[in-house]
Every structure is written in structure tokens, then in C-alpha cells.
C-alpha atoms as a PDB file:
ATOM      1  CA  UNK A   1      -6.997 -12.590  -0.609  1.00  0.00           C
ATOM      2  CA  UNK A   2      -7.625 -10.245   2.279  1.00  0.00           C
ATOM      3  CA  UNK A   3     -10.517  -7.782   2.394  1.00  0.00           C
ATOM      4  CA  UNK A   4     -10.312  -5.217   5.191  1.00  0.00           C
ATOM      5  CA  UNK A   5     -13.143  -2.911   6.258  1.00  0.00           C
ATOM      6  CA  UNK A   6     -12.818  -0.102   8.778  1.00  0.00           C
ATOM      7  CA  UNK A   7     -15.816  -0.305  11.092  1.00  0.00           C
ATOM      8  CA  UNK A   8     -15.474   3.405  11.922  1.00  0.00           C
ATOM      9  CA  UNK A   9     -15.667   5.023   8.488  1.00  0.00           C
ATOM     10  CA  UNK A  10     -16.343   2.118   6.134  1.00  0.00           C
ATOM     11  CA  UNK A  11     -13.018   2.366   4.284  1.00  0.00           C
ATOM     12  CA  UNK A  12     -12.458  -0.883   2.360  1.00  0.00           C
ATOM     13  CA  UNK A  13      -9.067  -2.187   1.205  1.00  0.00           C
ATOM     14  CA  UNK A  14      -8.317  -5.352  -0.734  1.00  0.00           C
ATOM     15  CA  UNK A  15      -4.969  -7.165  -0.706  1.00  0.00           C
ATOM     16  CA  UNK A  16      -5.010  -9.856  -3.372  1.00  0.00           C
ATOM     17  CA  UNK A  17      -1.887 -11.804  -2.491  1.00  0.00           C
ATOM     18  CA  UNK A  18      -1.302 -14.504  -5.110  1.00  0.00           C
ATOM     19  CA  UNK A  19      -4.461 -15.323  -7.053  1.00  0.00           C
ATOM     20  CA  UNK A  20      -5.740 -16.871 -10.279  1.00  0.00           C
ATOM     21  CA  UNK A  21      -9.084 -16.559 -12.077  1.00  0.00           C
ATOM     22  CA  UNK A  22      -9.495 -20.109 -13.397  1.00  0.00           C
ATOM     23  CA  UNK A  23     -12.347 -19.602 -15.855  1.00  0.00           C
ATOM     24  CA  UNK A  24     -13.849 -16.218 -16.633  1.00  0.00           C
ATOM     25  CA  UNK A  25     -15.023 -12.907 -15.264  1.00  0.00           C
ATOM     26  CA  UNK A  26     -18.454 -14.097 -14.172  1.00  0.00           C
ATOM     27  CA  UNK A  27     -16.829 -16.518 -11.710  1.00  0.00           C
ATOM     28  CA  UNK A  28     -16.151 -13.575  -9.405  1.00  0.00           C
ATOM     29  CA  UNK A  29     -19.792 -13.355  -8.402  1.00  0.00           C
ATOM     30  CA  UNK A  30     -19.327 -16.624  -6.502  1.00  0.00           C
ATOM     31  CA  UNK A  31     -16.997 -14.877  -4.034  1.00  0.00           C
ATOM     32  CA  UNK A  32     -19.411 -13.919  -1.268  1.00  0.00           C
ATOM     33  CA  UNK A  33     -16.904 -11.657   0.487  1.00  0.00           C
ATOM     34  CA  UNK A  34     -16.957  -9.269  -2.491  1.00  0.00           C
ATOM     35  CA  UNK A  35     -20.689  -8.647  -2.207  1.00  0.00           C
ATOM     36  CA  UNK A  36     -23.258  -7.176   0.124  1.00  0.00           C
ATOM     37  CA  UNK A  37     -26.978  -7.610  -0.577  1.00  0.00           C
ATOM     38  CA  UNK A  38     -26.218  -8.828  -4.075  1.00  0.00           C
ATOM     39  CA  UNK A  39     -24.048  -5.848  -5.032  1.00  0.00           C
ATOM     40  CA  UNK A  40     -20.274  -5.515  -5.331  1.00  0.00           C
ATOM     41  CA  UNK A  41     -18.818  -3.823  -2.254  1.00  0.00           C
ATOM     42  CA  UNK A  42     -17.228  -0.446  -3.124  1.00  0.00           C
ATOM     43  CA  UNK A  43     -13.470  -0.846  -2.667  1.00  0.00           C
ATOM     44  CA  UNK A  44     -11.391   2.219  -1.897  1.00  0.00           C
ATOM     45  CA  UNK A  45      -7.969   0.727  -2.582  1.00  0.00           C
ATOM     46  CA  UNK A  46      -6.805  -2.571  -4.078  1.00  0.00           C
ATOM     47  CA  UNK A  47      -3.241  -3.824  -3.678  1.00  0.00           C
ATOM     48  CA  UNK A  48      -2.878  -6.201  -6.619  1.00  0.00           C
ATOM     49  CA  UNK A  49      -0.541  -9.045  -7.528  1.00  0.00           C
ATOM     50  CA  UNK A  50       1.309  -7.539 -10.501  1.00  0.00           C
ATOM     51  CA  UNK A  51       3.974 -10.235 -10.891  1.00  0.00           C
ATOM     52  CA  UNK A  52       2.954 -10.696 -14.532  1.00  0.00           C
ATOM     53  CA  UNK A  53       1.130  -7.418 -15.179  1.00  0.00           C
ATOM     54  CA  UNK A  54       3.113  -6.790 -18.330  1.00  0.00           C
ATOM     55  CA  UNK A  55       2.581  -6.946 -22.086  1.00  0.00           C
ATOM     56  CA  UNK A  56       4.672 -10.081 -22.589  1.00  0.00           C
ATOM     57  CA  UNK A  57       2.396 -12.004 -20.219  1.00  0.00           C
ATOM     58  CA  UNK A  58      -1.112 -11.118 -21.306  1.00  0.00           C
ATOM     59  CA  UNK A  59      -2.251 -14.750 -21.040  1.00  0.00           C
ATOM     60  CA  UNK A  60      -1.202 -17.780 -18.975  1.00  0.00           C
ATOM     61  CA  UNK A  61      -2.438 -21.369 -19.000  1.00  0.00           C
ATOM     62  CA  UNK A  62      -5.309 -21.807 -16.560  1.00  0.00           C
ATOM     63  CA  UNK A  63      -4.817 -24.142 -13.648  1.00  0.00           C
ATOM     64  CA  UNK A  64      -6.971 -26.698 -15.453  1.00  0.00           C
ATOM     65  CA  UNK A  65      -4.853 -26.458 -18.621  1.00  0.00           C
ATOM     66  CA  UNK A  66      -1.641 -26.919 -16.652  1.00  0.00           C
ATOM     67  CA  UNK A  67      -3.173 -29.871 -14.824  1.00  0.00           C
ATOM     68  CA  UNK A  68      -4.116 -31.473 -18.128  1.00  0.00           C
ATOM     69  CA  UNK A  69      -0.528 -31.096 -19.332  1.00  0.00           C
ATOM     70  CA  UNK A  70       0.721 -32.837 -16.174  1.00  0.00           C
ATOM     71  CA  UNK A  71      -1.785 -35.670 -16.622  1.00  0.00           C
ATOM     72  CA  UNK A  72      -0.716 -36.098 -20.252  1.00  0.00           C
ATOM     73  CA  UNK A  73       2.919 -36.472 -19.183  1.00  0.00           C
ATOM     74  CA  UNK A  74       2.030 -39.021 -16.509  1.00  0.00           C
ATOM     75  CA  UNK A  75      -0.203 -40.905 -18.939  1.00  0.00           C
ATOM     76  CA  UNK A  76       2.597 -41.122 -21.510  1.00  0.00           C
ATOM     77  CA  UNK A  77       4.924 -42.426 -18.815  1.00  0.00           C
ATOM     78  CA  UNK A  78       2.340 -45.048 -17.808  1.00  0.00           C
ATOM     79  CA  UNK A  79       2.012 -46.158 -21.416  1.00  0.00           C
ATOM     80  CA  UNK A  80       5.738 -46.826 -21.487  1.00  0.00           C
ATOM     81  CA  UNK A  81       5.362 -48.925 -18.329  1.00  0.00           C
ATOM     82  CA  UNK A  82       2.356 -50.725 -19.878  1.00  0.00           C
ATOM     83  CA  UNK A  83       0.211 -50.719 -16.703  1.00  0.00           C
ATOM     84  CA  UNK A  84       0.175 -49.941 -13.014  1.00  0.00           C
ATOM     85  CA  UNK A  85       0.773 -53.564 -12.014  1.00  0.00           C
ATOM     86  CA  UNK A  86       4.483 -53.392 -12.853  1.00  0.00           C
ATOM     87  CA  UNK A  87       6.957 -53.028  -9.998  1.00  0.00           C
ATOM     88  CA  UNK A  88       6.956 -49.338  -9.150  1.00  0.00           C
ATOM     89  CA  UNK A  89       9.616 -48.927  -6.493  1.00  0.00           C
ATOM     90  CA  UNK A  90      12.142 -46.377  -7.796  1.00  0.00           C
ATOM     91  CA  UNK A  91      10.219 -46.038 -11.051  1.00  0.00           C
ATOM     92  CA  UNK A  92       7.500 -43.763 -12.375  1.00  0.00           C
ATOM     93  CA  UNK A  93       7.139 -39.986 -12.063  1.00  0.00           C
ATOM     94  CA  UNK A  94       8.676 -37.526  -9.601  1.00  0.00           C
ATOM     95  CA  UNK A  95       6.935 -34.180  -9.051  1.00  0.00           C
ATOM     96  CA  UNK A  96       9.219 -31.281  -8.180  1.00  0.00           C
ATOM     97  CA  UNK A  97       7.431 -28.213  -6.779  1.00  0.00           C
ATOM     98  CA  UNK A  98       8.801 -24.876  -5.626  1.00  0.00           C
ATOM     99  CA  UNK A  99       6.896 -24.728  -2.326  1.00  0.00           C
ATOM    100  CA  UNK A 100       5.864 -27.119   0.404  1.00  0.00           C
ATOM    101  CA  UNK A 101       2.178 -26.201   0.266  1.00  0.00           C
ATOM    102  CA  UNK A 102      -0.399 -25.100  -2.323  1.00  0.00           C
ATOM    103  CA  UNK A 103       0.041 -27.980  -4.781  1.00  0.00           C
ATOM    104  CA  UNK A 104      -2.511 -30.222  -3.058  1.00  0.00           C
ATOM    105  CA  UNK A 105      -4.849 -29.766  -6.026  1.00  0.00           C
ATOM    106  CA  UNK A 106      -2.234 -31.344  -8.310  1.00  0.00           C
ATOM    107  CA  UNK A 107      -1.569 -34.305  -6.029  1.00  0.00           C
ATOM    108  CA  UNK A 108      -5.249 -35.010  -5.439  1.00  0.00           C
ATOM    109  CA  UNK A 109      -6.069 -34.737  -9.147  1.00  0.00           C
ATOM    110  CA  UNK A 110      -3.312 -37.196 -10.066  1.00  0.00           C
ATOM    111  CA  UNK A 111      -4.391 -39.655  -7.374  1.00  0.00           C
ATOM    112  CA  UNK A 112      -8.008 -39.548  -8.547  1.00  0.00           C
ATOM    113  CA  UNK A 113      -7.211 -39.616 -12.271  1.00  0.00           C
ATOM    114  CA  UNK A 114      -4.806 -42.550 -12.185  1.00  0.00           C
ATOM    115  CA  UNK A 115      -6.148 -44.462  -9.193  1.00  0.00           C
ATOM    116  CA  UNK A 116      -2.880 -44.371  -7.283  1.00  0.00           C
ATOM    117  CA  UNK A 117      -1.638 -42.728  -4.121  1.00  0.00           C
ATOM    118  CA  UNK A 118       1.159 -40.181  -4.127  1.00  0.00           C
ATOM    119  CA  UNK A 119       4.410 -41.220  -2.447  1.00  0.00           C
ATOM    120  CA  UNK A 120       5.418 -38.723   0.228  1.00  0.00           C
ATOM    121  CA  UNK A 121       8.050 -38.583   2.979  1.00  0.00           C
ATOM    122  CA  UNK A 122       7.234 -39.014   6.670  1.00  0.00           C
ATOM    123  CA  UNK A 123       7.921 -35.310   7.190  1.00  0.00           C
ATOM    124  CA  UNK A 124       5.640 -34.395   4.317  1.00  0.00           C
ATOM    125  CA  UNK A 125       2.929 -36.615   5.733  1.00  0.00           C
ATOM    126  CA  UNK A 126       3.071 -34.697   9.010  1.00  0.00           C
ATOM    127  CA  UNK A 127       2.716 -31.401   7.134  1.00  0.00           C
ATOM    128  CA  UNK A 128      -0.203 -32.534   4.997  1.00  0.00           C
ATOM    129  CA  UNK A 129      -1.785 -34.217   8.000  1.00  0.00           C
ATOM    130  CA  UNK A 130      -2.733 -30.708   9.140  1.00  0.00           C
ATOM    131  CA  UNK A 131      -4.961 -30.329   6.078  1.00  0.00           C
ATOM    132  CA  UNK A 132      -8.437 -31.822   6.295  1.00  0.00           C
ATOM    133  CA  UNK A 133      -9.147 -34.901   4.148  1.00  0.00           C
ATOM    134  CA  UNK A 134      -5.719 -34.841   2.525  1.00  0.00           C
ATOM    135  CA  UNK A 135      -4.147 -38.029   3.870  1.00  0.00           C
ATOM    136  CA  UNK A 136      -6.316 -40.307   1.730  1.00  0.00           C
ATOM    137  CA  UNK A 137      -4.196 -39.426  -1.291  1.00  0.00           C
ATOM    138  CA  UNK A 138      -0.735 -40.092   0.196  1.00  0.00           C
ATOM    139  CA  UNK A 139       1.439 -43.055   1.139  1.00  0.00           C
ATOM    140  CA  UNK A 140       4.911 -43.298   2.686  1.00  0.00           C
ATOM    141  CA  UNK A 141       5.540 -46.624   0.914  1.00  0.00           C
ATOM    142  CA  UNK A 142       7.029 -46.221  -2.555  1.00  0.00           C
ATOM    143  CA  UNK A 143       5.850 -49.648  -3.760  1.00  0.00           C
ATOM    144  CA  UNK A 144       2.238 -48.472  -3.434  1.00  0.00           C
ATOM    145  CA  UNK A 145       2.720 -45.522  -5.771  1.00  0.00           C
ATOM    146  CA  UNK A 146       3.629 -44.528  -9.277  1.00  0.00           C
ATOM    147  CA  UNK A 147       3.742 -40.792  -8.534  1.00  0.00           C
ATOM    148  CA  UNK A 148       6.408 -39.631  -6.082  1.00  0.00           C
ATOM    149  CA  UNK A 149       7.105 -36.238  -4.520  1.00  0.00           C
ATOM    150  CA  UNK A 150      10.633 -34.878  -4.629  1.00  0.00           C
ATOM    151  CA  UNK A 151      12.444 -35.513  -1.349  1.00  0.00           C
ATOM    152  CA  UNK A 152      10.731 -38.800  -0.522  1.00  0.00           C
ATOM    153  CA  UNK A 153      14.006 -40.735  -0.774  1.00  0.00           C
ATOM    154  CA  UNK A 154      13.538 -42.418  -4.158  1.00  0.00           C
ATOM    155  CA  UNK A 155      16.255 -43.111  -6.685  1.00  0.00           C
ATOM    156  CA  UNK A 156      15.264 -40.729  -9.465  1.00  0.00           C
ATOM    157  CA  UNK A 157      17.701 -41.996 -12.092  1.00  0.00           C
ATOM    158  CA  UNK A 158      15.041 -44.005 -13.938  1.00  0.00           C
ATOM    159  CA  UNK A 159      12.127 -41.652 -13.314  1.00  0.00           C
ATOM    160  CA  UNK A 160      10.546 -38.856 -15.298  1.00  0.00           C
ATOM    161  CA  UNK A 161      10.942 -35.610 -13.361  1.00  0.00           C
ATOM    162  CA  UNK A 162       8.077 -33.120 -13.778  1.00  0.00           C
ATOM    163  CA  UNK A 163       9.022 -29.682 -12.446  1.00  0.00           C
ATOM    164  CA  UNK A 164       6.131 -27.293 -11.800  1.00  0.00           C
ATOM    165  CA  UNK A 165       7.612 -23.937 -12.761  1.00  0.00           C
ATOM    166  CA  UNK A 166       6.804 -20.339 -13.591  1.00  0.00           C
ATOM    167  CA  UNK A 167       9.839 -18.055 -13.569  1.00  0.00           C
ATOM    168  CA  UNK A 168      11.828 -20.623 -15.544  1.00  0.00           C
ATOM    169  CA  UNK A 169       9.562 -19.972 -18.528  1.00  0.00           C
ATOM    170  CA  UNK A 170       9.924 -16.208 -18.202  1.00  0.00           C
ATOM    171  CA  UNK A 171      13.719 -16.496 -18.285  1.00  0.00           C
ATOM    172  CA  UNK A 172      14.025 -19.186 -20.950  1.00  0.00           C
ATOM    173  CA  UNK A 173      11.162 -20.532 -23.065  1.00  0.00           C
ATOM    174  CA  UNK A 174       8.730 -17.653 -22.614  1.00  0.00           C
ATOM    175  CA  UNK A 175       5.035 -18.023 -21.821  1.00  0.00           C
ATOM    176  CA  UNK A 176       4.071 -19.346 -25.236  1.00  0.00           C
ATOM    177  CA  UNK A 177       4.644 -22.987 -24.230  1.00  0.00           C
ATOM    178  CA  UNK A 178       3.082 -25.030 -21.439  1.00  0.00           C
ATOM    179  CA  UNK A 179       5.648 -27.858 -21.432  1.00  0.00           C
ATOM    180  CA  UNK A 180       9.381 -27.789 -22.209  1.00  0.00           C
ATOM    181  CA  UNK A 181      12.008 -30.542 -21.976  1.00  0.00           C
ATOM    182  CA  UNK A 182      15.366 -29.300 -20.573  1.00  0.00           C
ATOM    183  CA  UNK A 183      16.618 -32.897 -20.696  1.00  0.00           C
ATOM    184  CA  UNK A 184      15.427 -36.346 -21.738  1.00  0.00           C
ATOM    185  CA  UNK A 185      14.084 -37.201 -18.272  1.00  0.00           C
ATOM    186  CA  UNK A 186      13.031 -33.724 -17.114  1.00  0.00           C
ATOM    187  CA  UNK A 187       9.877 -31.907 -18.194  1.00  0.00           C
ATOM    188  CA  UNK A 188       8.867 -28.488 -16.941  1.00  0.00           C
ATOM    189  CA  UNK A 189       5.200 -27.497 -16.824  1.00  0.00           C
ATOM    190  CA  UNK A 190       4.095 -23.864 -16.662  1.00  0.00           C
ATOM    191  CA  UNK A 191       2.033 -23.776 -13.455  1.00  0.00           C
ATOM    192  CA  UNK A 192       1.515 -20.255 -12.136  1.00  0.00           C
ATOM    193  CA  UNK A 193       0.023 -19.007  -8.885  1.00  0.00           C
ATOM    194  CA  UNK A 194       0.198 -15.440 -10.198  1.00  0.00           C
ATOM    195  CA  UNK A 195      -2.384 -13.897 -12.566  1.00  0.00           C
ATOM    196  CA  UNK A 196      -1.723 -12.884 -16.134  1.00  0.00           C
ATOM    197  CA  UNK A 197      -2.191  -9.297 -17.259  1.00  0.00           C
ATOM    198  CA  UNK A 198      -5.672 -10.101 -18.555  1.00  0.00           C
ATOM    199  CA  UNK A 199      -6.673 -11.712 -15.240  1.00  0.00           C
ATOM    200  CA  UNK A 200      -5.634  -8.610 -13.291  1.00  0.00           C
ATOM    201  CA  UNK A 201      -7.637  -6.509 -15.738  1.00  0.00           C
ATOM    202  CA  UNK A 202     -10.645  -8.807 -15.313  1.00  0.00           C
ATOM    203  CA  UNK A 203     -10.495  -8.538 -11.522  1.00  0.00           C
ATOM    204  CA  UNK A 204     -10.290  -4.743 -11.538  1.00  0.00           C
ATOM    205  CA  UNK A 205     -12.989  -4.510 -14.205  1.00  0.00           C
ATOM    206  CA  UNK A 206     -15.329  -6.442 -11.938  1.00  0.00           C
ATOM    207  CA  UNK A 207     -14.503  -4.714  -8.639  1.00  0.00           C
ATOM    208  CA  UNK A 208     -13.954  -1.152  -9.968  1.00  0.00           C
ATOM    209  CA  UNK A 209     -11.769   0.023  -7.034  1.00  0.00           C
ATOM    210  CA  UNK A 210     -11.263   3.759  -6.608  1.00  0.00           C
ATOM    211  CA  UNK A 211      -7.494   3.216  -6.701  1.00  0.00           C
ATOM    212  CA  UNK A 212      -5.053   0.341  -7.134  1.00  0.00           C
ATOM    213  CA  UNK A 213      -1.457  -0.229  -6.102  1.00  0.00           C
ATOM    214  CA  UNK A 214       1.087  -2.640  -7.508  1.00  0.00           C
ATOM    215  CA  UNK A 215       2.184  -5.339  -5.100  1.00  0.00           C
ATOM    216  CA  UNK A 216       5.394  -6.209  -6.970  1.00  0.00           C
ATOM    217  CA  UNK A 217       7.320  -5.118 -10.046  1.00  0.00           C
ATOM    218  CA  UNK A 218       6.528  -7.475 -12.941  1.00  0.00           C
ATOM    219  CA  UNK A 219       9.093 -10.100 -13.861  1.00  0.00           C
ATOM    220  CA  UNK A 220      11.368  -8.723 -16.578  1.00  0.00           C
ATOM    221  CA  UNK A 221      10.362  -5.082 -16.139  1.00  0.00           C
ATOM    222  CA  UNK A 222      13.514  -4.183 -14.186  1.00  0.00           C
ATOM    223  CA  UNK A 223      15.886  -5.254 -16.988  1.00  0.00           C
ATOM    224  CA  UNK A 224      17.841  -2.206 -18.128  1.00  0.00           C
ATOM    225  CA  UNK A 225      16.039   0.111 -15.692  1.00  0.00           C
ATOM    226  CA  UNK A 226      16.400   1.134 -12.104  1.00  0.00           C
ATOM    227  CA  UNK A 227      13.950  -0.540  -9.761  1.00  0.00           C
ATOM    228  CA  UNK A 228      12.280   2.823  -9.138  1.00  0.00           C
ATOM    229  CA  UNK A 229      11.651   3.378 -12.849  1.00  0.00           C
ATOM    230  CA  UNK A 230      10.180  -0.103 -13.265  1.00  0.00           C
ATOM    231  CA  UNK A 231       7.998   0.342 -10.193  1.00  0.00           C
ATOM    232  CA  UNK A 232       6.735   3.675 -11.510  1.00  0.00           C
ATOM    233  CA  UNK A 233       5.956   2.146 -14.895  1.00  0.00           C
ATOM    234  CA  UNK A 234       3.772  -0.661 -13.534  1.00  0.00           C
ATOM    235  CA  UNK A 235       1.973   1.780 -11.219  1.00  0.00           C
ATOM    236  CA  UNK A 236       1.280   4.080 -14.172  1.00  0.00           C
ATOM    237  CA  UNK A 237      -0.126   1.081 -16.036  1.00  0.00           C
ATOM    238  CA  UNK A 238      -2.466   0.304 -13.123  1.00  0.00           C
ATOM    239  CA  UNK A 239      -3.522   3.940 -12.722  1.00  0.00           C
ATOM    240  CA  UNK A 240      -4.430   4.120 -16.409  1.00  0.00           C
ATOM    241  CA  UNK A 241      -6.587   1.003 -16.125  1.00  0.00           C
ATOM    242  CA  UNK A 242      -8.426   2.285 -13.040  1.00  0.00           C
ATOM    243  CA  UNK A 243      -8.978   5.687 -14.681  1.00  0.00           C
ATOM    244  CA  UNK A 244     -10.344   4.050 -17.823  1.00  0.00           C
ATOM    245  CA  UNK A 245     -12.731   1.905 -15.792  1.00  0.00           C
ATOM    246  CA  UNK A 246     -13.905   4.919 -13.790  1.00  0.00           C
ATOM    247  CA  UNK A 247     -14.660   6.958 -16.905  1.00  0.00           C
ATOM    248  CA  UNK A 248     -16.248   4.175 -18.941  1.00  0.00           C
ATOM    249  CA  UNK A 249     -19.951   4.499 -18.217  1.00  0.00           C
ATOM    250  CA  UNK A 250     -20.980   2.451 -21.255  1.00  0.00           C
ATOM    251  CA  UNK A 251     -19.668  -0.875 -19.959  1.00  0.00           C
ATOM    252  CA  UNK A 252     -22.393  -2.893 -18.261  1.00  0.00           C
ATOM    253  CA  UNK A 253     -21.748  -4.486 -14.888  1.00  0.00           C
ATOM    254  CA  UNK A 254     -19.844  -7.776 -15.198  1.00  0.00           C
ATOM    255  CA  UNK A 255     -21.763  -9.060 -12.177  1.00  0.00           C
ATOM    256  CA  UNK A 256     -24.750 -10.040 -14.304  1.00  0.00           C
ATOM    257  CA  UNK A 257     -24.180 -13.779 -14.211  1.00  0.00           C
ATOM    258  CA  UNK A 258     -21.893 -16.422 -12.752  1.00  0.00           C
ATOM    259  CA  UNK A 259     -21.474 -20.153 -13.130  1.00  0.00           C
ATOM    260  CA  UNK A 260     -18.266 -21.225 -11.439  1.00  0.00           C
ATOM    261  CA  UNK A 261     -16.024 -20.738  -8.403  1.00  0.00           C
ATOM    262  CA  UNK A 262     -13.049 -18.434  -7.988  1.00  0.00           C
ATOM    263  CA  UNK A 263      -9.972 -19.961  -6.331  1.00  0.00           C
ATOM    264  CA  UNK A 264      -7.981 -17.633  -4.112  1.00  0.00           C
ATOM    265  CA  UNK A 265      -4.855 -18.111  -2.064  1.00  0.00           C
ATOM    266  CA  UNK A 266      -3.689 -16.288   1.046  1.00  0.00           C
ATOM    267  CA  UNK A 267      -0.362 -16.149   2.852  1.00  0.00           C
ATOM    268  CA  UNK A 268      -1.273 -17.260   6.363  1.00  0.00           C
ATOM    269  CA  UNK A 269      -3.031 -14.224   7.870  1.00  0.00           C
ATOM    270  CA  UNK A 270      -5.003 -15.310  10.970  1.00  0.00           C
ATOM    271  CA  UNK A 271      -8.734 -15.459  10.349  1.00  0.00           C
ATOM    272  CA  UNK A 272      -9.335 -13.300  13.428  1.00  0.00           C
ATOM    273  CA  UNK A 273      -7.628 -10.397  11.645  1.00  0.00           C
ATOM    274  CA  UNK A 274     -10.106 -10.334   8.792  1.00  0.00           C
ATOM    275  CA  UNK A 275     -13.187  -8.105   8.918  1.00  0.00           C
ATOM    276  CA  UNK A 276     -14.674  -9.916   5.928  1.00  0.00           C
ATOM    277  CA  UNK A 277     -13.393 -12.862   3.827  1.00  0.00           C
ATOM    278  CA  UNK A 278     -15.759 -15.407   5.369  1.00  0.00           C
ATOM    279  CA  UNK A 279     -16.208 -17.154   2.025  1.00  0.00           C
ATOM    280  CA  UNK A 280     -15.471 -20.914   2.060  1.00  0.00           C
ATOM    281  CA  UNK A 281     -13.862 -20.406  -1.355  1.00  0.00           C
ATOM    282  CA  UNK A 282     -10.761 -18.955   0.277  1.00  0.00           C
ATOM    283  CA  UNK A 283      -7.873 -21.424   0.465  1.00  0.00           C
ATOM    284  CA  UNK A 284      -4.375 -21.243   1.919  1.00  0.00           C
ATOM    285  CA  UNK A 285      -1.203 -21.292  -0.146  1.00  0.00           C
ATOM    286  CA  UNK A 286       1.600 -20.524   2.329  1.00  0.00           C
ATOM    287  CA  UNK A 287       5.115 -21.138   1.069  1.00  0.00           C
ATOM    288  CA  UNK A 288       8.013 -22.520   3.070  1.00  0.00           C
ATOM    289  CA  UNK A 289      10.311 -20.043   1.348  1.00  0.00           C
ATOM    290  CA  UNK A 290      12.405 -22.754  -0.287  1.00  0.00           C
ATOM    291  CA  UNK A 291      12.025 -21.919  -3.947  1.00  0.00           C
ATOM    292  CA  UNK A 292      14.833 -23.951  -5.461  1.00  0.00           C
ATOM    293  CA  UNK A 293      14.047 -26.733  -7.872  1.00  0.00           C
ATOM    294  CA  UNK A 294      17.006 -29.151  -7.673  1.00  0.00           C
ATOM    295  CA  UNK A 295      17.792 -29.303 -11.349  1.00  0.00           C
ATOM    296  CA  UNK A 296      21.551 -29.058 -11.481  1.00  0.00           C
ATOM    297  CA  UNK A 297      22.868 -26.330 -13.712  1.00  0.00           C
ATOM    298  CA  UNK A 298      19.384 -24.870 -14.203  1.00  0.00           C
ATOM    299  CA  UNK A 299      19.155 -23.609 -10.616  1.00  0.00           C
ATOM    300  CA  UNK A 300      19.676 -19.981 -11.596  1.00  0.00           C
ATOM    301  CA  UNK A 301      16.449 -20.160 -13.594  1.00  0.00           C
ATOM    302  CA  UNK A 302      14.357 -21.843 -10.950  1.00  0.00           C
ATOM    303  CA  UNK A 303      11.317 -20.436  -9.250  1.00  0.00           C
ATOM    304  CA  UNK A 304      11.598 -18.644  -5.957  1.00  0.00           C
ATOM    305  CA  UNK A 305       8.737 -18.000  -3.572  1.00  0.00           C
ATOM    306  CA  UNK A 306       8.592 -14.582  -1.965  1.00  0.00           C
ATOM    307  CA  UNK A 307       7.626 -14.630   1.696  1.00  0.00           C
ATOM    308  CA  UNK A 308       7.909 -10.827   1.765  1.00  0.00           C
ATOM    309  CA  UNK A 309       4.401 -10.812   0.294  1.00  0.00           C
ATOM    310  CA  UNK A 310       3.196 -11.828   3.754  1.00  0.00           C
ATOM    311  CA  UNK A 311       4.370  -8.642   5.450  1.00  0.00           C
ATOM    312  CA  UNK A 312       1.893  -6.154   3.986  1.00  0.00           C
ATOM    313  CA  UNK A 313      -1.357  -7.868   5.048  1.00  0.00           C
ATOM    314  CA  UNK A 314       0.062  -8.632   8.496  1.00  0.00           C
ATOM    315  CA  UNK A 315       1.002  -4.993   9.056  1.00  0.00           C
ATOM    316  CA  UNK A 316      -2.391  -3.964   7.725  1.00  0.00           C
ATOM    317  CA  UNK A 317      -4.210  -6.283  10.113  1.00  0.00           C
ATOM    318  CA  UNK A 318      -2.337  -4.866  13.088  1.00  0.00           C
ATOM    319  CA  UNK A 319      -3.338  -1.287  12.278  1.00  0.00           C
ATOM    320  CA  UNK A 320      -6.509   0.197  13.687  1.00  0.00           C
ATOM    321  CA  UNK A 321      -7.937   1.363  10.399  1.00  0.00           C
ATOM    322  CA  UNK A 322      -6.507  -1.416   8.216  1.00  0.00           C
ATOM    323  CA  UNK A 323      -5.952   1.096   5.462  1.00  0.00           C
ATOM    324  CA  UNK A 324      -3.548   0.407   2.619  1.00  0.00           C
ATOM    325  CA  UNK A 325      -2.318   3.753   1.363  1.00  0.00           C
END
């Protein structure tokens, strides 16, 4: 997320980028950049990730729920192999992800849960070597690992392939399932970096911005409509929510209590461009733009990262006022 503040007139604009609220509304109080002297900073305009701001996606599995589904799949695979002492070269589990970065949480959790390193290519090791404390969980030797990353040179014929997907579910199974099996050796897990409709509502309920703008047209909203009509519809939906929040004086402040952290992702904006956002809870999730999941005939349903999301905050940072209007 990017929070911009004009030092001349105090205008504040928020660009959410991709984000998730992993637990509940009260977690937002842990984000120091949203507060000044214990109070929520008044935000003039919020540009919000509306990828799934639609009725058919009111709820999504939390990151923890998706992680549990991945662990269950790996555990079942381990049970079939009896134990980790069996020969593991060209056997085990292959993780297929849509982007080069931002899945470190998954890899680290698997390494810690199952007591094994994650097999990665030499190129991947150089990438992840730029991230602090990440190399402890990786190995370039397949015999040391049961979990392998796609592209590390393994023979995947005998392995279970776990594809971390989002758009695939929107186009096929819907968001009512966390795991689907397109084939006997391929499982897809719903793992989203975009918020559900309820998460967007929770964020705006907490921050109460004076206005909000849609960052993207929700998946599925363009079907049967022109892009302009779909864009207008999601903006109308946002405007109605902001108006309802502004007029609702009976709702108490959601900033009353907090118990957990809020995980945010940005798209590579230099720290020097930010007027605020000094919170250590901010973490990077920059995509390499290669969104294809190599799954044969299913490629048309695979996820695709959108590097165009990077352009708005960069342009905003270069402007003098950093206003999003």
C-alpha cells in the first residue's frame, strides 16, 4: 500500500495495490501508517483494489486457510511416501506459482512445518538471495528436498503438482471451493492476493475516506457489457459504500481494539517516494509479469499478474501534490 500526504495542504491519498486482511477489522489498528496520535488519519481519496469487489466474491479463503489446504495436500503426499527418509530426487511435490515473488510465506511455512528445505533453481536462489533471511529455507540440490519449485529442473511425471491459483477458480470452479483437482496429479489451491468484497468493505469502514476510486474492473463484471459500463458499475458500488459510511453516525469506530497484524503488499515503489508508510508491516510483492501456469490445455484459465497496477503509484509519486483524482 502507498499512503501519500501533501506537505503543502495536507491532502492525503491512499493507493492500496494488492492487499489482504488476514483476520478481522481490528487488525487494521496495527498499521502505524494509518494513524497519527492514536487516531485514524483522515483520507481524502482511496484508490482501492476492486479485482473481486463483486457480489459473487463476497468471501475468499484467508491466507492462513489457503496455507492449511496446501499443507494438507503435502501431508497426504508424504503419507503415501511413508516418511521423509525415502529417496526424494524427482519425487514429492512441485509448487507452481503465477509470479516470481510474493510466495515466500508459503515456502517458509512448508519448510518449517515439514522440516525440509524447498528445492529451487540457481536463478531462483539469486533472486531470493536479495531477501533478508530467506536462503535458510532453500536448496539447489533436489535430493535434499521433498518440496520443489516449478522450473528447478525436476522430472515432474511422478510428482504431485500444486498450482497456487485465483483466476482459474473464477473461470471454472467458482470461489466456493479451496482445492480442485483438474487431473490425478494436479491440484489447484485458491490463493488470492486480492481482497474479497467484504475485505474491501472492512477497509473502507475502518478508514472512512471522503471518496474512493476503483483500481480495476472486477473479474467477470465485463461479461456481456462494454468495459465502460462495467467500470461505471463498480465505481457506483464504491460510491454507494462511501456515502453510506459517511451518513451512518450510529456505527462506533472500528478502531477500538486490535490484536493482530495486517499484511500488505506493494508493487516496488521506492521508499524515498513515500511521505508516510514507515510501518515495518509493509512487505513487497512485485511480480515478474509472467502469469502463466504451465498446465497444458488449461493455460487459457491460468492466472495472470498485472504489472499495469504499478503505473498509478509511480505517476503519483512523481507529481508534486501526489494527489489521486
